[in-house]
Amino acid sequence: MVKNILFDLDGTLTDPKEGITKCVQYALEKFDINADCEELVPFIGPPLMTSFREFYGLSNQQCELAVKYYRERFAKVGLFENYPYEGISEVLAKLKKDGYILAIATSKPTVFSHRICDKFGLTEYFDLIKGSELDGTNAEKIDVMKFVMNELKTDPEETIMVGDRKFDILGAKELGMKSVGVTFGYAAPGELEEAGADYIIDDMAKLFEILE
């Protein structure tokens, strides 16, 4: 029986496309790399260091500098170029009322995750909001998920992970919990299926059918 639900943030609870892509664009321009925002959608989800390295071949030192430039804009502007998906607040409110323990496990830095949830009135629904740290701690998604599970002392068999990318699904599988992939986020076609999501939904309200 599921008692605990972990949620990804970007692409799962909120649509961060504008803020993330514009901040990546801003960072790349510092290296004289011009990219259209649509090309930068794959940056939504994975750790920034990984994406700058994989997609643009930047060295570790350049990646660190790129992340610094990204956060320079994100902290001032990009943070709130973002909005919750329609109906998310209602779903979270009902889950909370039904007695589930809810947590956010995201690759986005914890400090920014809190500010976003505060801005959009989502904080009240969560027992814990956890992301990566600005010093690089918990940069990988699975590390964040482990932290949340340890902090809440959750049993994997009573826990489910809800996210829009393969990192959410693969992390859940490695930690022994079920996973739900949402198709309204930023997974590539077939990504969630290939990662082995236990359930795939196109509307967060369908989560109740799974829980029942």
N, C-alpha and C. Protein backbone atom coordinates (compact mmCIF):
# COMPACT_ATOMS: atom_id res chain seq x y z
N MET A 1 0.84 -1.20 0.00
CA MET A 1 0.00 0.00 0.00
C MET A 1 0.87 1.25 0.00
N VAL A 2 0.61 2.15 -0.90
CA VAL A 2 1.40 3.38 -1.00
C VAL A 2 1.01 4.37 0.09
N LYS A 3 2.02 4.84 0.82
CA LYS A 3 1.80 5.84 1.86
C LYS A 3 2.56 7.14 1.57
N ASN A 4 3.63 7.01 0.77
CA ASN A 4 4.50 8.15 0.51
C ASN A 4 4.63 8.39 -0.99
N ILE A 5 4.56 9.66 -1.40
CA ILE A 5 4.68 10.00 -2.81
C ILE A 5 5.75 11.06 -2.99
N LEU A 6 6.76 10.71 -3.80
CA LEU A 6 7.82 11.66 -4.13
C LEU A 6 7.52 12.24 -5.50
N PHE A 7 7.63 13.55 -5.62
CA PHE A 7 7.39 14.23 -6.89
C PHE A 7 8.65 14.92 -7.39
N ASP A 8 8.89 14.81 -8.68
CA ASP A 8 9.84 15.69 -9.33
C ASP A 8 9.17 17.06 -9.40
N LEU A 9 9.94 18.11 -9.66
CA LEU A 9 9.36 19.45 -9.74
C LEU A 9 9.21 19.91 -11.19
N ASP A 10 10.35 20.16 -11.86
CA ASP A 10 10.32 20.65 -13.24
C ASP A 10 9.73 19.64 -14.20
N GLY A 11 8.71 20.04 -14.93
CA GLY A 11 8.10 19.16 -15.91
C GLY A 11 7.10 18.19 -15.32
N THR A 12 6.93 18.24 -14.00
CA THR A 12 6.00 17.33 -13.32
C THR A 12 4.93 18.13 -12.57
N LEU A 13 5.37 19.04 -11.74
CA LEU A 13 4.44 19.92 -11.02
C LEU A 13 4.34 21.29 -11.70
N THR A 14 5.47 21.75 -12.24
CA THR A 14 5.47 23.06 -12.90
C THR A 14 6.12 22.95 -14.27
N ASP A 15 5.79 23.92 -15.13
CA ASP A 15 6.40 23.99 -16.46
C ASP A 15 7.46 25.09 -16.44
N PRO A 16 8.74 24.71 -16.40
CA PRO A 16 9.83 25.66 -16.25
C PRO A 16 10.52 26.03 -17.56
N LYS A 17 9.91 25.65 -18.68
CA LYS A 17 10.59 25.75 -19.98
C LYS A 17 11.18 27.13 -20.24
N GLU A 18 10.39 28.17 -20.10
CA GLU A 18 10.87 29.51 -20.43
C GLU A 18 12.09 29.90 -19.61
N GLY A 19 11.99 29.71 -18.29
CA GLY A 19 13.08 30.13 -17.41
C GLY A 19 14.36 29.34 -17.63
N ILE A 20 14.24 28.01 -17.73
CA ILE A 20 15.43 27.17 -17.87
C ILE A 20 16.11 27.41 -19.21
N THR A 21 15.35 27.41 -20.29
CA THR A 21 15.97 27.55 -21.61
C THR A 21 16.60 28.93 -21.79
N LYS A 22 15.97 29.97 -21.29
CA LYS A 22 16.54 31.31 -21.43
C LYS A 22 17.81 31.47 -20.59
N CYS A 23 17.85 30.81 -19.44
CA CYS A 23 19.04 30.88 -18.59
C CYS A 23 20.19 30.08 -19.18
N VAL A 24 19.89 28.94 -19.79
CA VAL A 24 20.93 28.17 -20.48
C VAL A 24 21.45 28.97 -21.67
N GLN A 25 20.55 29.58 -22.40
CA GLN A 25 20.92 30.42 -23.55
C GLN A 25 21.86 31.54 -23.10
N TYR A 26 21.52 32.18 -22.00
CA TYR A 26 22.34 33.26 -21.43
C TYR A 26 23.74 32.74 -21.08
N ALA A 27 23.81 31.56 -20.47
CA ALA A 27 25.11 30.99 -20.08
C ALA A 27 25.95 30.64 -21.30
N LEU A 28 25.33 30.04 -22.31
CA LEU A 28 26.06 29.63 -23.51
C LEU A 28 26.61 30.83 -24.28
N GLU A 29 25.87 31.93 -24.26
CA GLU A 29 26.33 33.14 -24.95
C GLU A 29 27.65 33.64 -24.39
N LYS A 30 27.91 33.34 -23.12
CA LYS A 30 29.17 33.73 -22.50
C LYS A 30 30.35 32.98 -23.12
N PHE A 31 30.05 31.87 -23.79
CA PHE A 31 31.09 31.07 -24.46
C PHE A 31 30.99 31.25 -25.98
N ASP A 32 30.26 32.30 -26.40
CA ASP A 32 30.06 32.57 -27.83
C ASP A 32 29.34 31.43 -28.54
N ILE A 33 28.45 30.77 -27.80
CA ILE A 33 27.62 29.70 -28.39
C ILE A 33 26.19 30.22 -28.48
N ASN A 34 25.66 30.26 -29.68
CA ASN A 34 24.30 30.72 -29.88
C ASN A 34 23.37 29.53 -30.08
N ALA A 35 22.30 29.49 -29.32
CA ALA A 35 21.35 28.38 -29.41
C ALA A 35 19.94 28.90 -29.25
N ASP A 36 19.03 28.34 -30.03
CA ASP A 36 17.61 28.68 -29.91
C ASP A 36 17.05 27.99 -28.67
N CYS A 37 16.12 28.64 -28.02
CA CYS A 37 15.55 28.07 -26.78
C CYS A 37 14.96 26.69 -27.00
N GLU A 38 14.36 26.45 -28.17
CA GLU A 38 13.77 25.13 -28.44
C GLU A 38 14.82 24.03 -28.44
N GLU A 39 16.05 24.38 -28.83
CA GLU A 39 17.13 23.40 -28.84
C GLU A 39 17.55 23.01 -27.42
N LEU A 40 17.20 23.86 -26.47
CA LEU A 40 17.70 23.69 -25.10
C LEU A 40 16.72 22.98 -24.17
N VAL A 41 15.61 22.53 -24.71
CA VAL A 41 14.61 21.81 -23.91
C VAL A 41 15.20 20.59 -23.19
N PRO A 42 16.15 19.83 -23.80
CA PRO A 42 16.73 18.68 -23.09
C PRO A 42 17.43 19.03 -21.78
N PHE A 43 17.68 20.30 -21.54
CA PHE A 43 18.28 20.71 -20.27
C PHE A 43 17.30 20.61 -19.10
N ILE A 44 16.02 20.46 -19.42
CA ILE A 44 15.01 20.38 -18.37
C ILE A 44 15.02 18.97 -17.78
N GLY A 45 15.43 18.86 -16.53
CA GLY A 45 15.44 17.56 -15.86
C GLY A 45 16.80 17.15 -15.33
N PRO A 46 17.80 16.94 -16.21
CA PRO A 46 19.10 16.46 -15.73
C PRO A 46 19.87 17.54 -14.98
N PRO A 47 20.90 17.15 -14.23
CA PRO A 47 21.78 18.15 -13.58
C PRO A 47 22.44 19.02 -14.65
N LEU A 48 22.60 20.31 -14.37
CA LEU A 48 23.15 21.24 -15.36
C LEU A 48 24.56 20.86 -15.79
N MET A 49 25.39 20.46 -14.83
CA MET A 49 26.77 20.10 -15.17
C MET A 49 26.79 19.00 -16.23
N THR A 50 25.96 18.01 -16.03
CA THR A 50 25.87 16.89 -16.97
C THR A 50 25.43 17.37 -18.35
N SER A 51 24.44 18.23 -18.40
CA SER A 51 23.90 18.70 -19.67
C SER A 51 24.88 19.56 -20.45
N PHE A 52 25.54 20.50 -19.77
CA PHE A 52 26.52 21.34 -20.46
C PHE A 52 27.66 20.49 -21.03
N ARG A 53 28.02 19.46 -20.29
CA ARG A 53 29.11 18.59 -20.74
C ARG A 53 28.67 17.72 -21.92
N GLU A 54 27.50 17.10 -21.79
CA GLU A 54 27.04 16.16 -22.82
C GLU A 54 26.58 16.86 -24.10
N PHE A 55 25.87 17.96 -23.96
CA PHE A 55 25.28 18.59 -25.14
C PHE A 55 26.22 19.56 -25.85
N TYR A 56 27.17 20.15 -25.11
CA TYR A 56 28.05 21.14 -25.73
C TYR A 56 29.54 20.87 -25.53
N GLY A 57 29.88 19.73 -24.95
CA GLY A 57 31.27 19.32 -24.84
C GLY A 57 32.15 20.23 -24.01
N LEU A 58 31.56 20.94 -23.05
CA LEU A 58 32.35 21.83 -22.20
C LEU A 58 33.19 21.02 -21.22
N SER A 59 34.35 21.53 -20.88
CA SER A 59 35.20 20.89 -19.89
C SER A 59 34.57 21.06 -18.51
N ASN A 60 35.07 20.34 -17.51
CA ASN A 60 34.53 20.46 -16.16
C ASN A 60 34.61 21.90 -15.67
N GLN A 61 35.73 22.56 -15.94
CA GLN A 61 35.91 23.95 -15.51
C GLN A 61 34.92 24.87 -16.22
N GLN A 62 34.73 24.64 -17.51
CA GLN A 62 33.76 25.44 -18.26
C GLN A 62 32.34 25.18 -17.80
N CYS A 63 32.04 23.91 -17.47
CA CYS A 63 30.71 23.56 -16.97
C CYS A 63 30.40 24.30 -15.67
N GLU A 64 31.37 24.34 -14.78
CA GLU A 64 31.19 25.05 -13.51
C GLU A 64 30.91 26.52 -13.75
N LEU A 65 31.63 27.10 -14.72
CA LEU A 65 31.43 28.51 -15.05
C LEU A 65 30.06 28.72 -15.70
N ALA A 66 29.66 27.77 -16.55
CA ALA A 66 28.36 27.86 -17.22
C ALA A 66 27.22 27.80 -16.20
N VAL A 67 27.35 26.94 -15.20
CA VAL A 67 26.34 26.84 -14.15
C VAL A 67 26.27 28.15 -13.37
N LYS A 68 27.42 28.75 -13.13
CA LYS A 68 27.48 30.04 -12.42
C LYS A 68 26.73 31.11 -13.22
N TYR A 69 26.97 31.16 -14.54
CA TYR A 69 26.28 32.14 -15.39
C TYR A 69 24.78 31.85 -15.41
N TYR A 70 24.42 30.59 -15.51
CA TYR A 70 23.01 30.19 -15.51
C TYR A 70 22.31 30.71 -14.26
N ARG A 71 22.91 30.46 -13.11
CA ARG A 71 22.29 30.86 -11.85
C ARG A 71 22.26 32.37 -11.68
N GLU A 72 23.18 33.05 -12.32
CA GLU A 72 23.23 34.51 -12.29
C GLU A 72 21.92 35.10 -12.79
N ARG A 73 21.43 34.55 -13.91
CA ARG A 73 20.15 35.02 -14.46
C ARG A 73 18.97 34.37 -13.75
N PHE A 74 19.12 33.07 -13.44
CA PHE A 74 18.00 32.33 -12.85
C PHE A 74 17.56 32.93 -11.52
N ALA A 75 18.51 33.31 -10.68
CA ALA A 75 18.19 33.82 -9.35
C ALA A 75 17.42 35.15 -9.41
N LYS A 76 17.60 35.89 -10.49
CA LYS A 76 16.97 37.20 -10.60
C LYS A 76 15.70 37.18 -11.46
N VAL A 77 15.74 36.41 -12.54
CA VAL A 77 14.65 36.46 -13.52
C VAL A 77 14.03 35.08 -13.79
N GLY A 78 14.89 34.13 -14.11
CA GLY A 78 14.41 32.83 -14.59
C GLY A 78 13.60 32.03 -13.59
N LEU A 79 13.84 32.28 -12.32
CA LEU A 79 13.18 31.54 -11.25
C LEU A 79 11.66 31.51 -11.41
N PHE A 80 11.10 32.64 -11.78
CA PHE A 80 9.65 32.72 -11.85
C PHE A 80 9.11 32.78 -13.29
N GLU A 81 9.96 32.45 -14.26
CA GLU A 81 9.49 32.24 -15.63
C GLU A 81 9.03 30.78 -15.67
N ASN A 82 7.95 30.52 -15.01
CA ASN A 82 7.58 29.17 -14.61
C ASN A 82 6.13 29.22 -14.13
N TYR A 83 5.39 28.12 -14.22
CA TYR A 83 4.03 28.12 -13.66
C TYR A 83 3.59 26.69 -13.40
N PRO A 84 2.72 26.49 -12.40
CA PRO A 84 2.23 25.14 -12.10
C PRO A 84 1.31 24.67 -13.22
N TYR A 85 1.35 23.37 -13.50
CA TYR A 85 0.41 22.83 -14.48
C TYR A 85 -1.01 22.93 -13.93
N GLU A 86 -1.95 23.05 -14.83
CA GLU A 86 -3.35 23.18 -14.45
C GLU A 86 -3.82 21.99 -13.61
N GLY A 87 -4.46 22.29 -12.50
CA GLY A 87 -5.03 21.25 -11.65
C GLY A 87 -4.08 20.64 -10.64
N ILE A 88 -2.80 21.03 -10.66
CA ILE A 88 -1.82 20.44 -9.75
C ILE A 88 -2.16 20.72 -8.29
N SER A 89 -2.50 21.95 -7.97
CA SER A 89 -2.82 22.30 -6.57
C SER A 89 -3.97 21.47 -6.03
N GLU A 90 -4.99 21.26 -6.86
CA GLU A 90 -6.15 20.48 -6.44
C GLU A 90 -5.77 19.02 -6.17
N VAL A 91 -4.92 18.46 -7.02
CA VAL A 91 -4.48 17.08 -6.83
C VAL A 91 -3.68 16.95 -5.53
N LEU A 92 -2.74 17.86 -5.32
CA LEU A 92 -1.92 17.83 -4.11
C LEU A 92 -2.76 18.00 -2.85
N ALA A 93 -3.74 18.88 -2.91
CA ALA A 93 -4.60 19.13 -1.76
C ALA A 93 -5.39 17.87 -1.39
N LYS A 94 -5.88 17.16 -2.40
CA LYS A 94 -6.64 15.94 -2.13
C LYS A 94 -5.73 14.84 -1.59
N LEU A 95 -4.53 14.71 -2.15
CA LEU A 95 -3.60 13.70 -1.67
C LEU A 95 -3.25 13.96 -0.20
N LYS A 96 -3.02 15.22 0.11
CA LYS A 96 -2.69 15.59 1.49
C LYS A 96 -3.86 15.29 2.42
N LYS A 97 -5.05 15.61 1.97
CA LYS A 97 -6.25 15.35 2.76
C LYS A 97 -6.46 13.85 2.98
N ASP A 98 -6.07 13.07 1.98
CA ASP A 98 -6.22 11.61 2.07
C ASP A 98 -5.15 10.96 2.95
N GLY A 99 -4.22 11.76 3.45
CA GLY A 99 -3.24 11.25 4.41
C GLY A 99 -1.90 10.80 3.86
N TYR A 100 -1.64 11.05 2.59
CA TYR A 100 -0.34 10.66 2.03
C TYR A 100 0.76 11.61 2.50
N ILE A 101 1.96 11.06 2.67
CA ILE A 101 3.14 11.87 2.94
C ILE A 101 3.69 12.29 1.59
N LEU A 102 3.80 13.60 1.35
CA LEU A 102 4.24 14.11 0.06
C LEU A 102 5.60 14.80 0.17
N ALA A 103 6.44 14.57 -0.81
CA ALA A 103 7.76 15.22 -0.82
C ALA A 103 8.16 15.55 -2.25
N ILE A 104 9.00 16.56 -2.38
CA ILE A 104 9.59 16.89 -3.68
C ILE A 104 11.04 16.43 -3.67
N ALA A 105 11.43 15.73 -4.74
CA ALA A 105 12.82 15.31 -4.93
C ALA A 105 13.21 15.78 -6.33
N THR A 106 14.00 16.83 -6.40
CA THR A 106 14.31 17.48 -7.67
C THR A 106 15.80 17.75 -7.83
N SER A 107 16.25 17.83 -9.08
CA SER A 107 17.65 18.19 -9.34
C SER A 107 17.86 19.70 -9.20
N LYS A 108 16.79 20.46 -9.18
CA LYS A 108 16.90 21.91 -9.00
C LYS A 108 17.41 22.20 -7.59
N PRO A 109 18.28 23.20 -7.40
CA PRO A 109 18.76 23.51 -6.04
C PRO A 109 17.61 23.72 -5.05
N THR A 110 17.81 23.23 -3.85
CA THR A 110 16.79 23.30 -2.81
C THR A 110 16.30 24.73 -2.58
N VAL A 111 17.22 25.67 -2.54
CA VAL A 111 16.85 27.06 -2.24
C VAL A 111 15.90 27.61 -3.30
N PHE A 112 16.13 27.28 -4.57
CA PHE A 112 15.23 27.74 -5.63
C PHE A 112 13.91 26.99 -5.61
N SER A 113 13.97 25.71 -5.29
CA SER A 113 12.74 24.90 -5.23
C SER A 113 11.78 25.45 -4.18
N HIS A 114 12.32 25.82 -3.02
CA HIS A 114 11.49 26.41 -1.97
C HIS A 114 10.85 27.71 -2.43
N ARG A 115 11.64 28.55 -3.09
CA ARG A 115 11.11 29.85 -3.53
C ARG A 115 10.01 29.68 -4.57
N ILE A 116 10.18 28.72 -5.46
CA ILE A 116 9.16 28.46 -6.47
C ILE A 116 7.88 27.95 -5.83
N CYS A 117 8.02 27.00 -4.92
CA CYS A 117 6.83 26.44 -4.24
C CYS A 117 6.13 27.49 -3.39
N ASP A 118 6.91 28.35 -2.75
CA ASP A 118 6.31 29.45 -1.97
C ASP A 118 5.54 30.39 -2.89
N LYS A 119 6.14 30.73 -4.01
CA LYS A 119 5.54 31.67 -4.97
C LYS A 119 4.18 31.17 -5.46
N PHE A 120 4.09 29.88 -5.73
CA PHE A 120 2.87 29.33 -6.34
C PHE A 120 1.96 28.62 -5.34
N GLY A 121 2.23 28.78 -4.05
CA GLY A 121 1.34 28.24 -3.03
C GLY A 121 1.36 26.73 -2.92
N LEU A 122 2.50 26.10 -3.24
CA LEU A 122 2.58 24.64 -3.19
C LEU A 122 3.23 24.11 -1.91
N THR A 123 3.96 24.96 -1.22
CA THR A 123 4.75 24.52 -0.06
C THR A 123 3.91 23.80 0.99
N GLU A 124 2.71 24.27 1.23
CA GLU A 124 1.88 23.73 2.31
C GLU A 124 1.55 22.25 2.14
N TYR A 125 1.67 21.74 0.93
CA TYR A 125 1.29 20.34 0.69
C TYR A 125 2.41 19.35 0.98
N PHE A 126 3.63 19.84 1.16
CA PHE A 126 4.77 18.93 1.24
C PHE A 126 5.39 18.83 2.63
N ASP A 127 5.72 17.59 2.99
CA ASP A 127 6.41 17.34 4.25
C ASP A 127 7.90 17.64 4.11
N LEU A 128 8.40 17.58 2.88
CA LEU A 128 9.81 17.86 2.63
C LEU A 128 9.98 18.30 1.18
N ILE A 129 10.79 19.34 0.98
CA ILE A 129 11.15 19.80 -0.36
C ILE A 129 12.67 19.75 -0.44
N LYS A 130 13.18 18.88 -1.29
CA LYS A 130 14.63 18.67 -1.34
C LYS A 130 15.13 18.64 -2.78
N GLY A 131 16.25 19.35 -2.99
CA GLY A 131 16.89 19.34 -4.29
C GLY A 131 18.39 19.19 -4.13
N SER A 132 19.11 19.59 -5.15
CA SER A 132 20.57 19.60 -5.06
C SER A 132 20.98 20.83 -4.25
N GLU A 133 22.28 20.91 -3.95
CA GLU A 133 22.78 22.08 -3.22
C GLU A 133 23.70 22.89 -4.13
N LEU A 134 23.85 24.17 -3.85
CA LEU A 134 24.64 25.05 -4.71
C LEU A 134 26.11 24.66 -4.73
N ASP A 135 26.56 23.92 -3.72
CA ASP A 135 27.97 23.50 -3.68
C ASP A 135 28.21 22.19 -4.43
N GLY A 136 27.16 21.67 -5.07
CA GLY A 136 27.30 20.44 -5.84
C GLY A 136 26.85 19.18 -5.13
N THR A 137 26.53 19.29 -3.84
CA THR A 137 26.05 18.14 -3.09
C THR A 137 24.71 17.67 -3.64
N ASN A 138 24.53 16.36 -3.70
CA ASN A 138 23.28 15.76 -4.21
C ASN A 138 22.95 16.22 -5.63
N ALA A 139 23.98 16.33 -6.45
CA ALA A 139 23.77 16.79 -7.83
C ALA A 139 23.00 15.76 -8.65
N GLU A 140 23.19 14.47 -8.35
CA GLU A 140 22.50 13.43 -9.11
C GLU A 140 21.12 13.17 -8.52
N LYS A 141 20.17 12.88 -9.39
CA LYS A 141 18.78 12.72 -8.96
C LYS A 141 18.62 11.61 -7.92
N ILE A 142 19.30 10.51 -8.14
CA ILE A 142 19.14 9.40 -7.20
C ILE A 142 19.64 9.76 -5.81
N ASP A 143 20.65 10.63 -5.73
CA ASP A 143 21.15 11.06 -4.42
C ASP A 143 20.10 11.88 -3.67
N VAL A 144 19.38 12.71 -4.42
CA VAL A 144 18.30 13.49 -3.81
C VAL A 144 17.20 12.56 -3.31
N MET A 145 16.85 11.57 -4.12
CA MET A 145 15.80 10.63 -3.75
C MET A 145 16.19 9.83 -2.50
N LYS A 146 17.46 9.41 -2.44
CA LYS A 146 17.95 8.70 -1.26
C LYS A 146 17.83 9.57 -0.02
N PHE A 147 18.22 10.83 -0.16
CA PHE A 147 18.16 11.76 0.97
C PHE A 147 16.73 11.88 1.48
N VAL A 148 15.80 12.07 0.56
CA VAL A 148 14.39 12.23 0.95
C VAL A 148 13.88 10.99 1.67
N MET A 149 14.19 9.82 1.13
CA MET A 149 13.73 8.58 1.74
C MET A 149 14.32 8.38 3.14
N ASN A 150 15.59 8.70 3.28
CA ASN A 150 16.23 8.58 4.60
C ASN A 150 15.67 9.57 5.60
N GLU A 151 15.44 10.80 5.10
CA GLU A 151 14.94 11.85 5.99
C GLU A 151 13.53 11.53 6.49
N LEU A 152 12.70 11.00 5.60
CA LEU A 152 11.31 10.68 5.97
C LEU A 152 11.15 9.25 6.49
N LYS A 153 12.28 8.50 6.44
CA LYS A 153 12.27 7.11 6.92
C LYS A 153 11.18 6.29 6.21
N THR A 154 11.17 6.39 4.89
CA THR A 154 10.14 5.71 4.11
C THR A 154 10.57 4.31 3.70
N ASP A 155 9.60 3.43 3.58
CA ASP A 155 9.79 2.07 3.09
C ASP A 155 9.59 2.10 1.57
N PRO A 156 10.56 1.63 0.78
CA PRO A 156 10.42 1.66 -0.67
C PRO A 156 9.13 0.99 -1.17
N GLU A 157 8.70 -0.05 -0.48
CA GLU A 157 7.49 -0.75 -0.90
C GLU A 157 6.22 0.06 -0.66
N GLU A 158 6.34 1.11 0.14
CA GLU A 158 5.20 1.97 0.44
C GLU A 158 5.36 3.35 -0.21
N THR A 159 6.31 3.44 -1.15
CA THR A 159 6.65 4.73 -1.74
C THR A 159 6.58 4.67 -3.26
N ILE A 160 6.15 5.76 -3.88
CA ILE A 160 6.08 5.83 -5.33
C ILE A 160 6.71 7.15 -5.79
N MET A 161 7.41 7.12 -6.91
CA MET A 161 8.04 8.31 -7.47
C MET A 161 7.29 8.76 -8.70
N VAL A 162 6.98 10.05 -8.78
CA VAL A 162 6.26 10.60 -9.93
C VAL A 162 7.16 11.62 -10.62
N GLY A 163 7.45 11.39 -11.89
CA GLY A 163 8.33 12.31 -12.61
C GLY A 163 8.14 12.24 -14.11
N ASP A 164 8.82 13.14 -14.82
CA ASP A 164 8.63 13.22 -16.26
C ASP A 164 9.84 12.77 -17.08
N ARG A 165 10.95 12.40 -16.40
CA ARG A 165 12.16 12.02 -17.13
C ARG A 165 12.66 10.65 -16.68
N LYS A 166 13.55 10.07 -17.48
CA LYS A 166 14.09 8.75 -17.18
C LYS A 166 14.85 8.72 -15.86
N PHE A 167 15.40 9.86 -15.46
CA PHE A 167 16.17 9.91 -14.21
C PHE A 167 15.28 9.60 -13.01
N ASP A 168 14.03 10.02 -13.08
CA ASP A 168 13.07 9.72 -12.01
C ASP A 168 12.74 8.23 -11.97
N ILE A 169 12.55 7.68 -13.15
CA ILE A 169 12.15 6.27 -13.26
C ILE A 169 13.29 5.34 -12.88
N LEU A 170 14.48 5.61 -13.41
CA LEU A 170 15.64 4.77 -13.12
C LEU A 170 16.03 4.85 -11.65
N GLY A 171 15.92 6.05 -11.07
CA GLY A 171 16.23 6.21 -9.65
C GLY A 171 15.28 5.40 -8.79
N ALA A 172 13.99 5.46 -9.14
CA ALA A 172 12.99 4.70 -8.38
C ALA A 172 13.27 3.21 -8.46
N LYS A 173 13.60 2.75 -9.64
CA LYS A 173 13.87 1.33 -9.85
C LYS A 173 15.06 0.88 -8.99
N GLU A 174 16.12 1.70 -9.00
CA GLU A 174 17.32 1.35 -8.23
C GLU A 174 17.04 1.33 -6.73
N LEU A 175 16.12 2.17 -6.28
CA LEU A 175 15.82 2.26 -4.86
C LEU A 175 14.69 1.33 -4.43
N GLY A 176 14.14 0.57 -5.39
CA GLY A 176 13.15 -0.43 -5.04
C GLY A 176 11.73 0.07 -4.89
N MET A 177 11.43 1.20 -5.51
CA MET A 177 10.05 1.71 -5.43
C MET A 177 9.39 1.73 -6.80
N LYS A 178 8.08 1.82 -6.82
CA LYS A 178 7.33 1.93 -8.07
C LYS A 178 7.49 3.34 -8.62
N SER A 179 7.21 3.50 -9.92
CA SER A 179 7.35 4.81 -10.54
C SER A 179 6.17 5.12 -11.46
N VAL A 180 5.87 6.41 -11.55
CA VAL A 180 4.82 6.91 -12.44
C VAL A 180 5.46 7.96 -13.34
N GLY A 181 5.39 7.75 -14.65
CA GLY A 181 5.90 8.73 -15.60
C GLY A 181 4.75 9.58 -16.12
N VAL A 182 4.95 10.89 -16.19
CA VAL A 182 3.92 11.79 -16.72
C VAL A 182 4.34 12.25 -18.11
N THR A 183 3.41 12.20 -19.04
CA THR A 183 3.73 12.49 -20.44
C THR A 183 3.63 13.97 -20.79
N PHE A 184 3.12 14.79 -19.87
CA PHE A 184 2.97 16.21 -20.19
C PHE A 184 4.24 17.02 -19.89
N GLY A 185 5.30 16.30 -19.45
CA GLY A 185 6.56 16.97 -19.16
C GLY A 185 7.49 16.99 -20.35
N TYR A 186 8.77 16.66 -20.11
CA TYR A 186 9.77 16.85 -21.16
C TYR A 186 10.55 15.59 -21.53
N ALA A 187 9.95 14.44 -21.35
CA ALA A 187 10.58 13.20 -21.79
C ALA A 187 10.53 13.12 -23.31
N ALA A 188 11.58 12.55 -23.90
CA ALA A 188 11.57 12.30 -25.34
C ALA A 188 10.60 11.16 -25.62
N PRO A 189 10.10 11.04 -26.85
CA PRO A 189 9.19 9.94 -27.18
C PRO A 189 9.80 8.59 -26.83
N GLY A 190 9.06 7.79 -26.06
CA GLY A 190 9.52 6.46 -25.69
C GLY A 190 10.47 6.42 -24.50
N GLU A 191 10.87 7.58 -24.00
CA GLU A 191 11.85 7.63 -22.91
C GLU A 191 11.35 6.96 -21.64
N LEU A 192 10.12 7.23 -21.27
CA LEU A 192 9.56 6.69 -20.02
C LEU A 192 9.36 5.18 -20.13
N GLU A 193 8.91 4.74 -21.30
CA GLU A 193 8.71 3.30 -21.53
C GLU A 193 10.05 2.56 -21.47
N GLU A 194 11.04 3.14 -22.14
CA GLU A 194 12.36 2.50 -22.18
C GLU A 194 13.00 2.43 -20.79
N ALA A 195 12.74 3.46 -19.98
CA ALA A 195 13.31 3.48 -18.62
C ALA A 195 12.61 2.46 -17.72
N GLY A 196 11.42 2.03 -18.11
CA GLY A 196 10.71 1.01 -17.34
C GLY A 196 9.72 1.55 -16.33
N ALA A 197 9.07 2.67 -16.66
CA ALA A 197 8.06 3.22 -15.74
C ALA A 197 6.97 2.18 -15.49
N ASP A 198 6.56 2.04 -14.23
CA ASP A 198 5.51 1.08 -13.90
C ASP A 198 4.16 1.56 -14.39
N TYR A 199 3.97 2.86 -14.39
CA TYR A 199 2.72 3.45 -14.88
C TYR A 199 3.07 4.71 -15.67
N ILE A 200 2.26 5.02 -16.65
CA ILE A 200 2.43 6.25 -17.43
C ILE A 200 1.07 6.93 -17.54
N ILE A 201 1.03 8.22 -17.18
CA ILE A 201 -0.24 8.95 -17.20
C ILE A 201 -0.08 10.26 -17.97
N ASP A 202 -1.20 10.75 -18.53
CA ASP A 202 -1.17 12.00 -19.27
C ASP A 202 -1.89 13.12 -18.51
N ASP A 203 -2.34 12.80 -17.31
CA ASP A 203 -3.06 13.77 -16.48
C ASP A 203 -2.78 13.40 -15.02
N MET A 204 -2.33 14.36 -14.22
CA MET A 204 -1.95 14.06 -12.85
C MET A 204 -3.13 13.50 -12.04
N ALA A 205 -4.35 13.86 -12.41
CA ALA A 205 -5.53 13.36 -11.69
C ALA A 205 -5.66 11.85 -11.81
N LYS A 206 -5.04 11.26 -12.83
CA LYS A 206 -5.09 9.81 -13.02
C LYS A 206 -4.24 9.08 -11.99
N LEU A 207 -3.46 9.83 -11.24
CA LEU A 207 -2.65 9.23 -10.17
C LEU A 207 -3.56 8.55 -9.14
N PHE A 208 -4.76 9.10 -8.95
CA PHE A 208 -5.68 8.52 -7.96
C PHE A 208 -6.10 7.10 -8.37
N GLU A 209 -6.24 6.86 -9.67
CA GLU A 209 -6.61 5.52 -10.15
C GLU A 209 -5.51 4.52 -9.80
N ILE A 210 -4.28 4.94 -9.93
CA ILE A 210 -3.14 4.08 -9.61
C ILE A 210 -3.10 3.78 -8.12
N LEU A 211 -3.30 4.79 -7.32
CA LEU A 211 -3.25 4.63 -5.87
C LEU A 211 -4.37 3.74 -5.36
N GLU A 212 -5.49 3.74 -6.04
CA GLU A 212 -6.63 2.91 -5.63
C GLU A 212 -6.40 1.45 -5.98
